[in-house]
Each structure stands twice: as C-alpha cells, then as structure tokens.
PDB file of N, CA and C in Angstrom:
ATOM      1  N   MET A   1      11.837  -3.449  -3.943  1.00  0.00           N
ATOM      2  CA  MET A   1      12.235  -2.796  -5.506  1.00  0.00           C
ATOM      3  C   MET A   1      13.623  -2.063  -5.157  1.00  0.00           C
ATOM      4  N   PRO A   2      14.520  -2.254  -6.339  1.00  0.00           N
ATOM      5  CA  PRO A   2      16.146  -1.697  -5.960  1.00  0.00           C
ATOM      6  C   PRO A   2      16.065  -0.133  -6.413  1.00  0.00           C
ATOM      7  N   ILE A   3      14.765   0.379  -6.795  1.00  0.00           N
ATOM      8  CA  ILE A   3      14.765   1.830  -7.150  1.00  0.00           C
ATOM      9  C   ILE A   3      14.340   2.538  -5.986  1.00  0.00           C
ATOM     10  N   THR A   4      15.164   3.288  -5.302  1.00  0.00           N
ATOM     11  CA  THR A   4      14.972   4.355  -4.281  1.00  0.00           C
ATOM     12  C   THR A   4      14.628   5.780  -4.888  1.00  0.00           C
ATOM     13  N   VAL A   5      13.478   6.397  -4.514  1.00  0.00           N
ATOM     14  CA  VAL A   5      13.126   7.758  -4.626  1.00  0.00           C
ATOM     15  C   VAL A   5      13.417   8.747  -3.811  1.00  0.00           C
ATOM     16  N   ASP A   6      14.266   9.705  -4.130  1.00  0.00           N
ATOM     17  CA  ASP A   6      14.684  10.663  -3.285  1.00  0.00           C
ATOM     18  C   ASP A   6      14.240  12.182  -3.384  1.00  0.00           C
ATOM     19  N   ILE A   7      12.659  12.023  -3.755  1.00  0.00           N
ATOM     20  CA  ILE A   7      12.301  13.394  -3.900  1.00  0.00           C
ATOM     21  C   ILE A   7      11.927  14.083  -2.679  1.00  0.00           C
ATOM     22  N   ASP A   8      11.925  13.500  -1.359  1.00  0.00           N
ATOM     23  CA  ASP A   8      11.860  14.123  -0.141  1.00  0.00           C
ATOM     24  C   ASP A   8      13.269  15.041   0.229  1.00  0.00           C
ATOM     25  N   VAL A   9      14.352  14.301  -0.423  1.00  0.00           N
ATOM     26  CA  VAL A   9      15.625  15.040  -0.220  1.00  0.00           C
ATOM     27  C   VAL A   9      15.674  16.278  -1.114  1.00  0.00           C
ATOM     28  N   MET A  10      15.229  16.114  -2.199  1.00  0.00           N
ATOM     29  CA  MET A  10      15.227  17.616  -3.157  1.00  0.00           C
ATOM     30  C   MET A  10      14.254  18.369  -2.433  1.00  0.00           C
ATOM     31  N   LEU A  11      13.076  17.884  -1.834  1.00  0.00           N
ATOM     32  CA  LEU A  11      12.016  19.128  -1.342  1.00  0.00           C
ATOM     33  C   LEU A  11      12.888  19.530  -0.341  1.00  0.00           C
ATOM     34  N   ALA A  12      13.389  19.069   0.731  1.00  0.00           N
ATOM     35  CA  ALA A  12      14.318  19.738   1.743  1.00  0.00           C
ATOM     36  C   ALA A  12      15.275  20.501   1.257  1.00  0.00           C
ATOM     37  N   LYS A  13      16.078  20.193   0.184  1.00  0.00           N
ATOM     38  CA  LYS A  13      17.160  21.090  -0.341  1.00  0.00           C
ATOM     39  C   LYS A  13      16.379  22.281  -0.622  1.00  0.00           C
ATOM     40  N   ARG A  14      15.407  22.184  -1.516  1.00  0.00           N
ATOM     41  CA  ARG A  14      14.709  23.337  -2.155  1.00  0.00           C
ATOM     42  C   ARG A  14      13.998  24.134  -1.177  1.00  0.00           C
ATOM     43  N   LYS A  15      13.484  23.553  -0.044  1.00  0.00           N
ATOM     44  CA  LYS A  15      12.499  24.161   0.884  1.00  0.00           C
ATOM     45  C   LYS A  15      11.224  24.344   0.404  1.00  0.00           C
ATOM     46  N   LEU A  16      10.802  23.012  -0.218  1.00  0.00           N
ATOM     47  CA  LEU A  16       9.414  23.265  -0.782  1.00  0.00           C
ATOM     48  C   LEU A  16       8.722  22.219  -0.099  1.00  0.00           C
ATOM     49  N   SER A  17       7.204  22.496  -0.118  1.00  0.00           N
ATOM     50  CA  SER A  17       6.370  21.344   0.436  1.00  0.00           C
ATOM     51  C   SER A  17       5.884  20.600  -0.543  1.00  0.00           C
ATOM     52  N   VAL A  18       5.373  19.333  -0.152  1.00  0.00           N
ATOM     53  CA  VAL A  18       4.796  18.506  -1.256  1.00  0.00           C
ATOM     54  C   VAL A  18       3.549  19.310  -2.049  1.00  0.00           C
ATOM     55  N   GLY A  19       2.744  19.917  -1.189  1.00  0.00           N
ATOM     56  CA  GLY A  19       1.611  20.614  -1.953  1.00  0.00           C
ATOM     57  C   GLY A  19       2.105  21.731  -3.061  1.00  0.00           C
ATOM     58  N   GLU A  20       3.068  22.377  -2.765  1.00  0.00           N
ATOM     59  CA  GLU A  20       3.822  23.379  -3.529  1.00  0.00           C
ATOM     60  C   GLU A  20       4.448  22.866  -4.790  1.00  0.00           C
ATOM     61  N   LEU A  21       5.097  21.674  -4.482  1.00  0.00           N
ATOM     62  CA  LEU A  21       5.737  21.009  -5.624  1.00  0.00           C
ATOM     63  C   LEU A  21       4.732  20.200  -6.811  1.00  0.00           C
ATOM     64  N   ALA A  22       3.710  19.843  -6.063  1.00  0.00           N
ATOM     65  CA  ALA A  22       2.507  19.151  -6.677  1.00  0.00           C
ATOM     66  C   ALA A  22       1.950  20.099  -7.664  1.00  0.00           C
ATOM     67  N   ASP A  23       1.796  21.431  -7.287  1.00  0.00           N
ATOM     68  CA  ASP A  23       1.129  22.572  -7.859  1.00  0.00           C
ATOM     69  C   ASP A  23       2.134  23.007  -9.186  1.00  0.00           C
ATOM     70  N   ARG A  24       3.398  22.945  -8.949  1.00  0.00           N
ATOM     71  CA  ARG A  24       4.188  23.302  -9.884  1.00  0.00           C
ATOM     72  C   ARG A  24       4.404  22.350 -10.941  1.00  0.00           C
ATOM     73  N   VAL A  25       4.241  21.175 -10.432  1.00  0.00           N
ATOM     74  CA  VAL A  25       4.348  19.884 -11.499  1.00  0.00           C
ATOM     75  C   VAL A  25       3.085  19.708 -12.145  1.00  0.00           C
ATOM     76  N   GLY A  26       1.841  20.031 -11.406  1.00  0.00           N
ATOM     77  CA  GLY A  26       0.586  19.726 -12.296  1.00  0.00           C
ATOM     78  C   GLY A  26       0.063  18.255 -11.849  1.00  0.00           C
ATOM     79  N   ILE A  27       0.512  17.746 -10.725  1.00  0.00           N
ATOM     80  CA  ILE A  27      -0.027  16.647 -10.277  1.00  0.00           C
ATOM     81  C   ILE A  27      -0.844  16.793  -8.800  1.00  0.00           C
ATOM     82  N   THR A  28      -1.636  15.850  -8.382  1.00  0.00           N
ATOM     83  CA  THR A  28      -2.151  15.904  -7.058  1.00  0.00           C
ATOM     84  C   THR A  28      -1.209  15.817  -6.094  1.00  0.00           C
ATOM     85  N   PRO A  29      -1.344  16.310  -4.931  1.00  0.00           N
ATOM     86  CA  PRO A  29      -0.402  16.040  -3.747  1.00  0.00           C
ATOM     87  C   PRO A  29      -0.240  14.449  -3.522  1.00  0.00           C
ATOM     88  N   ALA A  30      -1.812  13.838  -3.288  1.00  0.00           N
ATOM     89  CA  ALA A  30      -1.801  12.226  -3.334  1.00  0.00           C
ATOM     90  C   ALA A  30      -0.698  11.679  -4.087  1.00  0.00           C
ATOM     91  N   ASN A  31      -0.872  11.812  -5.475  1.00  0.00           N
ATOM     92  CA  ASN A  31      -0.033  11.081  -6.481  1.00  0.00           C
ATOM     93  C   ASN A  31       1.282  11.716  -6.189  1.00  0.00           C
ATOM     94  N   LEU A  32       1.986  12.590  -5.871  1.00  0.00           N
ATOM     95  CA  LEU A  32       3.321  12.857  -5.520  1.00  0.00           C
ATOM     96  C   LEU A  32       3.359  12.166  -4.507  1.00  0.00           C
ATOM     97  N   ALA A  33       2.700  11.963  -3.375  1.00  0.00           N
ATOM     98  CA  ALA A  33       3.131  11.365  -2.226  1.00  0.00           C
ATOM     99  C   ALA A  33       3.316   9.947  -2.577  1.00  0.00           C
ATOM    100  N   VAL A  34       2.601   9.266  -3.391  1.00  0.00           N
ATOM    101  CA  VAL A  34       2.527   7.911  -3.885  1.00  0.00           C
ATOM    102  C   VAL A  34       3.953   7.851  -4.477  1.00  0.00           C
ATOM    103  N   LEU A  35       4.399   8.596  -5.368  1.00  0.00           N
ATOM    104  CA  LEU A  35       5.676   8.653  -6.045  1.00  0.00           C
ATOM    105  C   LEU A  35       6.888   8.702  -4.716  1.00  0.00           C
ATOM    106  N   LYS A  36       6.536   9.764  -3.805  1.00  0.00           N
ATOM    107  CA  LYS A  36       7.630  10.210  -2.936  1.00  0.00           C
ATOM    108  C   LYS A  36       7.959   9.075  -2.267  1.00  0.00           C
ATOM    109  N   ASN A  37       6.924   8.537  -1.762  1.00  0.00           N
ATOM    110  CA  ASN A  37       7.127   7.453  -0.840  1.00  0.00           C
ATOM    111  C   ASN A  37       7.527   6.007  -1.328  1.00  0.00           C
ATOM    112  N   GLY A  38       7.748   6.102  -2.584  1.00  0.00           N
ATOM    113  CA  GLY A  38       8.297   4.702  -3.414  1.00  0.00           C
ATOM    114  C   GLY A  38       7.292   3.651  -3.617  1.00  0.00           C
ATOM    115  N   ARG A  39       5.961   4.167  -3.561  1.00  0.00           N
ATOM    116  CA  ARG A  39       4.889   3.330  -3.602  1.00  0.00           C
ATOM    117  C   ARG A  39       4.139   3.119  -5.189  1.00  0.00           C
ATOM    118  N   ALA A  40       4.930   3.930  -5.927  1.00  0.00           N
ATOM    119  CA  ALA A  40       4.297   3.994  -7.579  1.00  0.00           C
ATOM    120  C   ALA A  40       5.034   2.893  -8.220  1.00  0.00           C
ATOM    121  N   LYS A  41       4.030   2.302  -9.373  1.00  0.00           N
ATOM    122  CA  LYS A  41       4.721   1.293 -10.242  1.00  0.00           C
ATOM    123  C   LYS A  41       5.403   1.703 -11.508  1.00  0.00           C
ATOM    124  N   ALA A  42       5.163   3.035 -11.735  1.00  0.00           N
ATOM    125  CA  ALA A  42       5.502   3.724 -13.014  1.00  0.00           C
ATOM    126  C   ALA A  42       5.746   5.087 -12.781  1.00  0.00           C
ATOM    127  N   VAL A  43       6.490   6.057 -13.516  1.00  0.00           N
ATOM    128  CA  VAL A  43       6.497   7.427 -13.616  1.00  0.00           C
ATOM    129  C   VAL A  43       6.735   7.604 -15.070  1.00  0.00           C
ATOM    130  N   ARG A  44       5.543   8.672 -15.545  1.00  0.00           N
ATOM    131  CA  ARG A  44       5.866   9.004 -17.019  1.00  0.00           C
ATOM    132  C   ARG A  44       7.019   9.835 -17.180  1.00  0.00           C
ATOM    133  N   PHE A  45       7.936   9.891 -18.103  1.00  0.00           N
ATOM    134  CA  PHE A  45       8.594  10.680 -18.485  1.00  0.00           C
ATOM    135  C   PHE A  45       8.375  12.287 -18.551  1.00  0.00           C
ATOM    136  N   ALA A  46       7.280  12.584 -18.584  1.00  0.00           N
ATOM    137  CA  ALA A  46       6.430  13.840 -18.878  1.00  0.00           C
ATOM    138  C   ALA A  46       6.743  14.322 -17.269  1.00  0.00           C
ATOM    139  N   THR A  47       6.095  13.485 -16.259  1.00  0.00           N
ATOM    140  CA  THR A  47       6.202  13.694 -14.967  1.00  0.00           C
ATOM    141  C   THR A  47       7.629  14.046 -14.706  1.00  0.00           C
ATOM    142  N   LEU A  48       8.235  13.000 -14.807  1.00  0.00           N
ATOM    143  CA  LEU A  48       9.920  13.285 -14.313  1.00  0.00           C
ATOM    144  C   LEU A  48      10.433  14.375 -14.713  1.00  0.00           C
ATOM    145  N   ALA A  49      10.115  14.690 -16.080  1.00  0.00           N
ATOM    146  CA  ALA A  49      10.588  16.059 -16.565  1.00  0.00           C
ATOM    147  C   ALA A  49      10.222  17.191 -15.974  1.00  0.00           C
ATOM    148  N   ALA A  50       8.936  17.140 -15.610  1.00  0.00           N
ATOM    149  CA  ALA A  50       8.263  18.237 -15.136  1.00  0.00           C
ATOM    150  C   ALA A  50       8.831  18.519 -13.457  1.00  0.00           C
ATOM    151  N   LEU A  51       9.036  17.309 -12.759  1.00  0.00           N
ATOM    152  CA  LEU A  51       9.536  17.262 -11.256  1.00  0.00           C
ATOM    153  C   LEU A  51      11.142  18.019 -11.386  1.00  0.00           C
ATOM    154  N   CYS A  52      11.707  17.482 -12.427  1.00  0.00           N
ATOM    155  CA  CYS A  52      13.384  17.862 -12.846  1.00  0.00           C
ATOM    156  C   CYS A  52      13.305  19.433 -13.030  1.00  0.00           C
ATOM    157  N   GLU A  53      12.405  20.045 -13.697  1.00  0.00           N
ATOM    158  CA  GLU A  53      12.234  21.422 -14.028  1.00  0.00           C
ATOM    159  C   GLU A  53      11.886  22.144 -12.868  1.00  0.00           C
ATOM    160  N   ALA A  54      10.961  21.549 -11.970  1.00  0.00           N
ATOM    161  CA  ALA A  54      10.431  22.378 -10.831  1.00  0.00           C
ATOM    162  C   ALA A  54      11.506  22.383  -9.796  1.00  0.00           C
ATOM    163  N   LEU A  55      12.380  21.213  -9.734  1.00  0.00           N
ATOM    164  CA  LEU A  55      13.170  21.038  -8.591  1.00  0.00           C
ATOM    165  C   LEU A  55      14.584  21.527  -9.189  1.00  0.00           C
ATOM    166  N   ASP A  56      14.864  21.963 -10.240  1.00  0.00           N
ATOM    167  CA  ASP A  56      16.176  22.357 -10.923  1.00  0.00           C
ATOM    168  C   ASP A  56      17.177  21.252 -10.615  1.00  0.00           C
ATOM    169  N   CYS A  57      16.687  19.870 -11.013  1.00  0.00           N
ATOM    170  CA  CYS A  57      17.778  18.880 -10.832  1.00  0.00           C
ATOM    171  C   CYS A  57      17.762  18.018 -12.088  1.00  0.00           C
ATOM    172  N   GLN A  58      18.510  16.827 -11.942  1.00  0.00           N
ATOM    173  CA  GLN A  58      18.420  15.756 -13.059  1.00  0.00           C
ATOM    174  C   GLN A  58      17.785  14.432 -12.345  1.00  0.00           C
ATOM    175  N   PRO A  59      17.530  13.574 -13.246  1.00  0.00           N
ATOM    176  CA  PRO A  59      16.682  12.267 -12.917  1.00  0.00           C
ATOM    177  C   PRO A  59      17.443  11.729 -12.041  1.00  0.00           C
ATOM    178  N   GLY A  60      18.577  11.714 -12.177  1.00  0.00           N
ATOM    179  CA  GLY A  60      19.606  10.825 -11.020  1.00  0.00           C
ATOM    180  C   GLY A  60      19.590  11.421  -9.897  1.00  0.00           C
ATOM    181  N   ASP A  61      18.949  12.733  -9.405  1.00  0.00           N
ATOM    182  CA  ASP A  61      18.866  13.247  -8.216  1.00  0.00           C
ATOM    183  C   ASP A  61      17.610  12.692  -7.594  1.00  0.00           C
ATOM    184  N   LEU A  62      16.561  12.197  -8.259  1.00  0.00           N
ATOM    185  CA  LEU A  62      15.264  11.842  -7.746  1.00  0.00           C
ATOM    186  C   LEU A  62      15.483  10.447  -7.700  1.00  0.00           C
ATOM    187  N   LEU A  63      15.945   9.765  -8.602  1.00  0.00           N
ATOM    188  CA  LEU A  63      16.090   8.078  -8.470  1.00  0.00           C
ATOM    189  C   LEU A  63      17.244   7.692  -8.620  1.00  0.00           C
ATOM    190  N   ARG A  64      17.421   6.398  -7.672  1.00  0.00           N
ATOM    191  CA  ARG A  64      18.755   5.680  -7.617  1.00  0.00           C
ATOM    192  C   ARG A  64      18.551   4.375  -7.431  1.00  0.00           C
ATOM    193  N   PHE A  65      19.357   3.422  -8.150  1.00  0.00           N
ATOM    194  CA  PHE A  65      19.317   2.118  -7.947  1.00  0.00           C
ATOM    195  C   PHE A  65      20.259   1.603  -6.912  1.00  0.00           C
ATOM    196  N   GLU A  66      19.634   0.650  -5.989  1.00  0.00           N
ATOM    197  CA  GLU A  66      20.031  -0.012  -4.897  1.00  0.00           C
ATOM    198  C   GLU A  66      20.428  -1.590  -5.028  1.00  0.00           C
ATOM    199  N   ALA A  67      21.325  -2.105  -5.297  1.00  0.00           N
ATOM    200  CA  ALA A  67      21.420  -3.688  -5.471  1.00  0.00           C
ATOM    201  C   ALA A  67      21.312  -4.134  -4.031  1.00  0.00           C
ATOM    202  N   LYS A  68      20.992  -5.641  -4.144  1.00  0.00           N
ATOM    203  CA  LYS A  68      21.025  -6.244  -2.724  1.00  0.00           C
ATOM    204  C   LYS A  68      22.449  -7.020  -2.667  1.00  0.00           C
ATOM    205  N   ASP A  69      22.771  -7.356  -1.372  1.00  0.00           N
ATOM    206  CA  ASP A  69      23.968  -7.954  -1.144  1.00  0.00           C
ATOM    207  C   ASP A  69      23.632  -9.468  -0.920  1.00  0.00           C
ATOM    208  N   THR A  70      24.280 -10.231  -1.671  1.00  0.00           N
ATOM    209  CA  THR A  70      24.092 -11.663  -1.871  1.00  0.00           C
ATOM    210  C   THR A  70      24.951 -12.412  -0.586  1.00  0.00           C
ATOM    211  N   ALA A  71      24.988 -13.652  -0.229  1.00  0.00           N
ATOM    212  CA  ALA A  71      25.350 -14.371   0.618  1.00  0.00           C
ATOM    213  C   ALA A  71      26.816 -13.957   0.759  1.00  0.00           C
ATOM    214  N   ASP A  72      27.457 -14.244  -0.550  1.00  0.00           N
ATOM    215  CA  ASP A  72      29.002 -14.284  -0.805  1.00  0.00           C
ATOM    216  C   ASP A  72      29.464 -12.883  -1.222  1.00  0.00           C
ATOM    217  N   GLY A  73      28.436 -11.740  -0.577  1.00  0.00           N
ATOM    218  CA  GLY A  73      29.053 -10.380  -0.623  1.00  0.00           C
ATOM    219  C   GLY A  73      29.051  -9.725  -1.845  1.00  0.00           C
ATOM    220  N   ARG A  74      28.784 -10.334  -3.052  1.00  0.00           N
ATOM    221  CA  ARG A  74      28.407  -9.619  -4.289  1.00  0.00           C
ATOM    222  C   ARG A  74      27.120  -8.918  -4.120  1.00  0.00           C
ATOM    223  N   ARG A  75      26.826  -7.971  -5.064  1.00  0.00           N
ATOM    224  CA  ARG A  75      25.858  -6.910  -5.066  1.00  0.00           C
ATOM    225  C   ARG A  75      25.082  -7.388  -6.305  1.00  0.00           C
ATOM    226  N   GLN A  76      23.763  -7.648  -6.283  1.00  0.00           N
ATOM    227  CA  GLN A  76      22.921  -7.914  -7.472  1.00  0.00           C
ATOM    228  C   GLN A  76      21.694  -7.290  -7.246  1.00  0.00           C
ATOM    229  N   SER A  77      20.985  -7.105  -8.262  1.00  0.00           N
ATOM    230  CA  SER A  77      19.598  -6.492  -8.207  1.00  0.00           C
ATOM    231  C   SER A  77      18.717  -7.444  -7.799  1.00  0.00           C
ATOM    232  N   SER A  78      17.458  -7.136  -7.358  1.00  0.00           N
ATOM    233  CA  SER A  78      16.690  -8.045  -6.823  1.00  0.00           C
ATOM    234  C   SER A  78      16.081  -8.953  -7.741  1.00  0.00           C
ATOM    235  N   ALA A  79      15.886  -8.655  -8.864  1.00  0.00           N
ATOM    236  CA  ALA A  79      15.644  -9.293 -10.213  1.00  0.00           C
ATOM    237  C   ALA A  79      16.488 -10.466 -10.396  1.00  0.00           C
ATOM    238  N   THR A  80      17.742 -10.292 -10.281  1.00  0.00           N
ATOM    239  CA  THR A  80      18.865 -11.221 -10.517  1.00  0.00           C
ATOM    240  C   THR A  80      18.700 -12.480  -9.379  1.00  0.00           C
ATOM    241  N   VAL A  81      18.834 -11.820  -8.159  1.00  0.00           N
ATOM    242  CA  VAL A  81      18.440 -12.832  -6.883  1.00  0.00           C
ATOM    243  C   VAL A  81      17.082 -13.717  -7.159  1.00  0.00           C
ATOM    244  N   ALA A  82      16.209 -12.960  -7.771  1.00  0.00           N
ATOM    245  CA  ALA A  82      14.816 -13.911  -7.831  1.00  0.00           C
ATOM    246  C   ALA A  82      14.899 -14.985  -9.041  1.00  0.00           C
ATOM    247  N   LYS A  83      15.747 -14.454  -9.944  1.00  0.00           N
ATOM    248  CA  LYS A  83      15.906 -15.712 -11.188  1.00  0.00           C
ATOM    249  C   LYS A  83      16.733 -16.523 -10.501  1.00  0.00           C
ATOM    250  N   ALA A  84      17.643 -16.218  -9.587  1.00  0.00           N
ATOM    251  CA  ALA A  84      18.767 -17.384  -9.212  1.00  0.00           C
ATOM    252  C   ALA A  84      17.861 -18.324  -8.276  1.00  0.00           C
ATOM    253  N   GLU A  85      17.007 -17.605  -7.518  1.00  0.00           N
ATOM    254  CA  GLU A  85      16.396 -18.698  -6.375  1.00  0.00           C
ATOM    255  C   GLU A  85      15.090 -19.516  -7.132  1.00  0.00           C
ATOM    256  N   ALA A  86      14.527 -18.731  -8.070  1.00  0.00           N
ATOM    257  CA  ALA A  86      13.783 -19.718  -9.102  1.00  0.00           C
ATOM    258  C   ALA A  86      14.502 -20.823  -9.804  1.00  0.00           C
ATOM    259  N   GLU A  87      15.710 -20.561 -10.214  1.00  0.00           N
ATOM    260  CA  GLU A  87      16.207 -21.849 -10.743  1.00  0.00           C
ATOM    261  C   GLU A  87      16.855 -22.682  -9.886  1.00  0.00           C
ATOM    262  N   ASP A  88      17.125 -22.500  -8.677  1.00  0.00           N
ATOM    263  CA  ASP A  88      17.640 -23.363  -7.501  1.00  0.00           C
ATOM    264  C   ASP A  88      16.428 -24.270  -7.247  1.00  0.00           C
ATOM    265  N   GLY A  89      15.223 -23.946  -7.247  1.00  0.00           N
ATOM    266  CA  GLY A  89      13.815 -24.569  -6.894  1.00  0.00           C
ATOM    267  C   GLY A  89      13.688 -25.014  -5.350  1.00  0.00           C
ATOM    268  N   PRO A  90      12.766 -25.795  -5.194  1.00  0.00           N
ATOM    269  CA  PRO A  90      12.553 -26.295  -3.902  1.00  0.00           C
ATOM    270  C   PRO A  90      13.658 -27.128  -3.093  1.00  0.00           C
TER     271      PRO A  90
END
C-alpha cells in the first residue's frame, strides 16, 4: 500500500509510549499498534483527529503517500500500476 504511517516518528519526537498515546486517544494499545505498523485497512477521522490533538501535529505528519517507481523511471501509485498490469493481460 502506498500510504506510510509515521506514528512511530511522532511518538519518538514527543517521547511518548504507545500505551500513553493510546490512553490519551482513547483506543487500545493493540489497535494503536495495528495502525502504527501500517496493518490497518482504515482509520476513522475521529481517531485521526484525536491522534493529531494528542501529538500536537497535522494529519500529514502521521500519514504520507509513497508512489512506486515504474520501469521507465516514472512514479505511479500501486493502484495505477495494478490497473496497467491488468490491462496488459497475460
């Protein structure tokens, strides 16, 4: 997935533990770990807002988009690459 989660970076900058942040946000440490490790399929805006408030940051400090390089050196999202591969066929 081309979305990278940088909660661990903000935790280090703020010198907070996962448990302490989870308490401040109101979610379980296990659910925060799923989000922090990039295994979450979705995040609620309310949770994102609570994270931003607790960490005194913007959503862009926690999430970033990383496109993949193509064979010709251009950068594309993984969805665009998958669509192009599907159109090329076997």
